[in-house]
Amino acid sequence: MCLIRLLTATLILSSIVPTVAAAAEAATSVRVEVTGLRNTTGQVGCLLFNAPEGFPEDHARAYREVAAPIKGAQASCDFKDTPPGTYALIVLHDENMNGKMDKNFLGIPTEGYVASNNVRPAMSAPKFKESSFSVKAGVDTIINAKVGY
């Protein structure tokens, strides 16, 4: 009877361990290191998109969203357990903490922002294609984002 229990436990464990190991190998994180903030007012918001639809401003279509405190003139947004794929992100220095990019009467942003790949077009919103980057299985991704105003 003990031998049967031992064999059953061994079979169960041998089927679980490879699954857990494979999941751990595929698990990745995306870390966004934000610099260039002009002050410590408010917070930094990061939106991660896995498709062009809604990029860069539609919170509802973002794959994930993170708000991060500002420390010095820097902040970090961490997206844990991000599956492999193509992504683009937008970073906003939300100085008044209203959760959106404020703009003047001409539609020009009044708060600092930057897209991944440090894209900041002068006359339009950043595009998904020019801002996109790849996340590979088992490899943590670090994005350096310098906010401009």
C-alpha atoms as a PDB file:
ATOM      1  CA  MET A   1       0.000   0.000   0.000  1.00  0.00           C
ATOM      2  CA  CYS A   2       2.836   2.419   0.837  1.00  0.00           C
ATOM      3  CA  LEU A   3       4.566   1.518  -2.421  1.00  0.00           C
ATOM      4  CA  ILE A   4       1.416   2.385  -4.406  1.00  0.00           C
ATOM      5  CA  ARG A   5       1.132   5.767  -2.650  1.00  0.00           C
ATOM      6  CA  LEU A   6       4.806   6.467  -3.283  1.00  0.00           C
ATOM      7  CA  LEU A   7       4.470   5.602  -6.976  1.00  0.00           C
ATOM      8  CA  THR A   8       1.311   7.716  -7.295  1.00  0.00           C
ATOM      9  CA  ALA A   9       3.003  10.717  -5.621  1.00  0.00           C
ATOM     10  CA  THR A  10       6.053  10.315  -7.857  1.00  0.00           C
ATOM     11  CA  LEU A  11       3.900  10.244 -10.999  1.00  0.00           C
ATOM     12  CA  ILE A  12       1.944  13.312  -9.923  1.00  0.00           C
ATOM     13  CA  LEU A  13       5.087  15.291  -9.088  1.00  0.00           C
ATOM     14  CA  SER A  14       6.846  14.284 -12.288  1.00  0.00           C
ATOM     15  CA  SER A  15       3.925  15.626 -14.330  1.00  0.00           C
ATOM     16  CA  ILE A  16       3.714  18.925 -12.392  1.00  0.00           C
ATOM     17  CA  VAL A  17       7.402  19.890 -12.225  1.00  0.00           C
ATOM     18  CA  PRO A  18       7.990  20.203 -16.017  1.00  0.00           C
ATOM     19  CA  THR A  19       4.825  22.296 -16.362  1.00  0.00           C
ATOM     20  CA  VAL A  20       5.912  24.681 -13.596  1.00  0.00           C
ATOM     21  CA  ALA A  21       9.419  24.921 -15.066  1.00  0.00           C
ATOM     22  CA  ALA A  22       8.073  25.687 -18.552  1.00  0.00           C
ATOM     23  CA  ALA A  23       5.760  28.379 -17.189  1.00  0.00           C
ATOM     24  CA  ALA A  24       8.623  29.966 -15.244  1.00  0.00           C
ATOM     25  CA  GLU A  25      10.806  29.971 -18.362  1.00  0.00           C
ATOM     26  CA  ALA A  26       8.154  31.715 -20.469  1.00  0.00           C
ATOM     27  CA  ALA A  27       7.305  34.303 -17.783  1.00  0.00           C
ATOM     28  CA  THR A  28       8.884  37.648 -18.585  1.00  0.00           C
ATOM     29  CA  SER A  29       8.664  41.168 -17.304  1.00  0.00           C
ATOM     30  CA  VAL A  30       8.813  44.542 -18.968  1.00  0.00           C
ATOM     31  CA  ARG A  31      10.416  47.275 -16.890  1.00  0.00           C
ATOM     32  CA  VAL A  32      10.123  50.882 -18.022  1.00  0.00           C
ATOM     33  CA  GLU A  33      12.777  53.173 -16.544  1.00  0.00           C
ATOM     34  CA  VAL A  34      11.477  56.716 -16.876  1.00  0.00           C
ATOM     35  CA  THR A  35      13.820  59.729 -16.787  1.00  0.00           C
ATOM     36  CA  GLY A  36      13.639  63.404 -17.750  1.00  0.00           C
ATOM     37  CA  LEU A  37      10.787  64.351 -15.422  1.00  0.00           C
ATOM     38  CA  ARG A  38      10.762  68.097 -14.750  1.00  0.00           C
ATOM     39  CA  ASN A  39       9.473  67.777 -11.190  1.00  0.00           C
ATOM     40  CA  THR A  40       8.176  65.306  -8.596  1.00  0.00           C
ATOM     41  CA  THR A  41       4.569  66.475  -8.813  1.00  0.00           C
ATOM     42  CA  GLY A  42       1.950  63.828  -9.551  1.00  0.00           C
ATOM     43  CA  GLN A  43       2.787  60.359 -10.824  1.00  0.00           C
ATOM     44  CA  VAL A  44       3.892  58.525 -13.945  1.00  0.00           C
ATOM     45  CA  GLY A  45       1.347  56.500 -15.889  1.00  0.00           C
ATOM     46  CA  CYS A  46       2.395  53.766 -18.301  1.00  0.00           C
ATOM     47  CA  LEU A  47       0.048  52.127 -20.803  1.00  0.00           C
ATOM     48  CA  LEU A  48       1.209  48.927 -22.515  1.00  0.00           C
ATOM     49  CA  PHE A  49      -0.521  48.024 -25.789  1.00  0.00           C
ATOM     50  CA  ASN A  50      -0.324  44.694 -27.644  1.00  0.00           C
ATOM     51  CA  ALA A  51      -2.128  45.994 -30.762  1.00  0.00           C
ATOM     52  CA  PRO A  52      -2.345  49.309 -32.637  1.00  0.00           C
ATOM     53  CA  GLU A  53      -6.034  49.810 -31.812  1.00  0.00           C
ATOM     54  CA  GLY A  54      -6.363  52.503 -29.164  1.00  0.00           C
ATOM     55  CA  PHE A  55      -2.666  53.401 -29.056  1.00  0.00           C
ATOM     56  CA  PRO A  56      -1.581  55.724 -27.496  1.00  0.00           C
ATOM     57  CA  GLU A  57      -4.442  57.116 -25.393  1.00  0.00           C
ATOM     58  CA  ASP A  58      -7.323  54.648 -25.031  1.00  0.00           C
ATOM     59  CA  HIS A  59      -7.016  53.210 -21.522  1.00  0.00           C
ATOM     60  CA  ALA A  60      -9.768  50.679 -22.234  1.00  0.00           C
ATOM     61  CA  ARG A  61      -7.791  49.157 -25.119  1.00  0.00           C
ATOM     62  CA  ALA A  62      -4.455  49.054 -23.314  1.00  0.00           C
ATOM     63  CA  TYR A  63      -3.214  45.567 -22.521  1.00  0.00           C
ATOM     64  CA  ARG A  64      -2.029  46.734 -19.095  1.00  0.00           C
ATOM     65  CA  GLU A  65      -1.745  49.970 -17.163  1.00  0.00           C
ATOM     66  CA  VAL A  66       0.589  50.913 -14.301  1.00  0.00           C
ATOM     67  CA  ALA A  67       0.839  54.081 -12.205  1.00  0.00           C
ATOM     68  CA  ALA A  68       4.185  54.686 -10.516  1.00  0.00           C
ATOM     69  CA  PRO A  69       5.390  57.162  -7.896  1.00  0.00           C
ATOM     70  CA  ILE A  70       8.116  59.637  -8.827  1.00  0.00           C
ATOM     71  CA  LYS A  71      11.391  59.392  -6.914  1.00  0.00           C
ATOM     72  CA  GLY A  72      13.786  62.213  -7.684  1.00  0.00           C
ATOM     73  CA  ALA A  73      13.342  62.894 -11.383  1.00  0.00           C
ATOM     74  CA  GLN A  74      12.726  59.213 -12.168  1.00  0.00           C
ATOM     75  CA  ALA A  75      10.084  56.505 -11.982  1.00  0.00           C
ATOM     76  CA  SER A  76       9.731  52.844 -12.961  1.00  0.00           C
ATOM     77  CA  CYS A  77       6.746  50.962 -14.337  1.00  0.00           C
ATOM     78  CA  ASP A  78       6.833  47.176 -14.055  1.00  0.00           C
ATOM     79  CA  PHE A  79       4.669  44.862 -16.121  1.00  0.00           C
ATOM     80  CA  LYS A  80       5.065  41.358 -14.661  1.00  0.00           C
ATOM     81  CA  ASP A  81       4.214  38.119 -16.472  1.00  0.00           C
ATOM     82  CA  THR A  82       4.068  39.651 -19.934  1.00  0.00           C
ATOM     83  CA  PRO A  83       3.745  36.998 -22.654  1.00  0.00           C
ATOM     84  CA  PRO A  84       6.036  37.084 -25.690  1.00  0.00           C
ATOM     85  CA  GLY A  85       4.841  39.366 -28.478  1.00  0.00           C
ATOM     86  CA  THR A  86       4.973  42.834 -29.987  1.00  0.00           C
ATOM     87  CA  TYR A  87       4.074  45.786 -27.779  1.00  0.00           C
ATOM     88  CA  ALA A  88       4.186  49.571 -27.669  1.00  0.00           C
ATOM     89  CA  LEU A  89       3.883  51.771 -24.620  1.00  0.00           C
ATOM     90  CA  ILE A  90       3.148  55.347 -23.769  1.00  0.00           C
ATOM     91  CA  VAL A  91       4.488  57.086 -20.669  1.00  0.00           C
ATOM     92  CA  LEU A  92       2.765  60.157 -19.224  1.00  0.00           C
ATOM     93  CA  HIS A  93       3.940  62.473 -16.452  1.00  0.00           C
ATOM     94  CA  ASP A  94       0.478  62.977 -14.975  1.00  0.00           C
ATOM     95  CA  GLU A  95       1.261  66.070 -12.944  1.00  0.00           C
ATOM     96  CA  ASN A  96      -2.320  66.733 -11.821  1.00  0.00           C
ATOM     97  CA  MET A  97      -3.105  63.008 -11.380  1.00  0.00           C
ATOM     98  CA  ASN A  98      -6.301  63.095 -13.427  1.00  0.00           C
ATOM     99  CA  GLY A  99      -5.382  59.923 -15.353  1.00  0.00           C
ATOM    100  CA  LYS A 100      -5.266  61.516 -18.800  1.00  0.00           C
ATOM    101  CA  MET A 101      -2.985  63.532 -21.045  1.00  0.00           C
ATOM    102  CA  ASP A 102      -3.904  67.188 -20.698  1.00  0.00           C
ATOM    103  CA  LYS A 103      -3.743  69.320 -23.839  1.00  0.00           C
ATOM    104  CA  ASN A 104      -4.045  73.004 -24.655  1.00  0.00           C
ATOM    105  CA  PHE A 105      -6.687  74.499 -26.977  1.00  0.00           C
ATOM    106  CA  LEU A 106      -4.614  73.453 -30.025  1.00  0.00           C
ATOM    107  CA  GLY A 107      -4.481  69.827 -28.876  1.00  0.00           C
ATOM    108  CA  ILE A 108      -0.799  70.006 -27.909  1.00  0.00           C
ATOM    109  CA  PRO A 109       0.067  68.068 -24.720  1.00  0.00           C
ATOM    110  CA  THR A 110       0.782  70.228 -21.681  1.00  0.00           C
ATOM    111  CA  GLU A 111       2.196  67.344 -19.646  1.00  0.00           C
ATOM    112  CA  GLY A 112       5.331  65.368 -20.434  1.00  0.00           C
ATOM    113  CA  TYR A 113       5.108  62.140 -22.388  1.00  0.00           C
ATOM    114  CA  VAL A 114       7.096  59.702 -24.511  1.00  0.00           C
ATOM    115  CA  ALA A 115       6.362  56.494 -26.392  1.00  0.00           C
ATOM    116  CA  SER A 116       8.588  53.423 -26.423  1.00  0.00           C
ATOM    117  CA  ASN A 117      11.723  53.804 -28.565  1.00  0.00           C
ATOM    118  CA  ASN A 118      11.703  57.419 -27.252  1.00  0.00           C
ATOM    119  CA  VAL A 119       9.271  58.419 -29.995  1.00  0.00           C
ATOM    120  CA  ARG A 120       7.828  61.945 -29.625  1.00  0.00           C
ATOM    121  CA  PRO A 121       6.532  63.216 -32.985  1.00  0.00           C
ATOM    122  CA  ALA A 122       6.242  67.004 -33.198  1.00  0.00           C
ATOM    123  CA  MET A 123       2.958  67.237 -35.101  1.00  0.00           C
ATOM    124  CA  SER A 124       1.043  64.015 -34.360  1.00  0.00           C
ATOM    125  CA  ALA A 125       0.500  61.267 -31.845  1.00  0.00           C
ATOM    126  CA  PRO A 126       3.065  58.449 -31.857  1.00  0.00           C
ATOM    127  CA  LYS A 127       2.184  55.436 -34.007  1.00  0.00           C
ATOM    128  CA  PHE A 128       2.192  51.844 -32.784  1.00  0.00           C
ATOM    129  CA  LYS A 129       4.544  50.643 -35.526  1.00  0.00           C
ATOM    130  CA  GLU A 130       7.297  53.190 -34.803  1.00  0.00           C
ATOM    131  CA  SER A 131       6.941  52.676 -31.061  1.00  0.00           C
ATOM    132  CA  SER A 132       6.774  48.868 -31.052  1.00  0.00           C
ATOM    133  CA  PHE A 133       9.256  46.490 -29.447  1.00  0.00           C
ATOM    134  CA  SER A 134       9.460  42.721 -28.993  1.00  0.00           C
ATOM    135  CA  VAL A 135       9.181  40.735 -25.786  1.00  0.00           C
ATOM    136  CA  LYS A 136      10.872  37.352 -26.021  1.00  0.00           C
ATOM    137  CA  ALA A 137      10.064  34.286 -23.907  1.00  0.00           C
ATOM    138  CA  GLY A 138      12.160  34.017 -20.770  1.00  0.00           C
ATOM    139  CA  VAL A 139      13.968  37.331 -21.357  1.00  0.00           C
ATOM    140  CA  ASP A 140      13.164  40.369 -19.219  1.00  0.00           C
ATOM    141  CA  THR A 141      12.842  43.556 -21.241  1.00  0.00           C
ATOM    142  CA  ILE A 142      14.056  46.956 -20.049  1.00  0.00           C
ATOM    143  CA  ILE A 143      12.790  50.063 -21.820  1.00  0.00           C
ATOM    144  CA  ASN A 144      14.510  53.411 -21.211  1.00  0.00           C
ATOM    145  CA  ALA A 145      12.020  56.227 -21.698  1.00  0.00           C
ATOM    146  CA  LYS A 146      13.023  59.905 -21.541  1.00  0.00           C
ATOM    147  CA  VAL A 147      10.018  62.141 -21.070  1.00  0.00           C
ATOM    148  CA  GLY A 148       9.833  65.366 -23.057  1.00  0.00           C
ATOM    149  CA  TYR A 149       7.607  68.410 -22.587  1.00  0.00           C
END
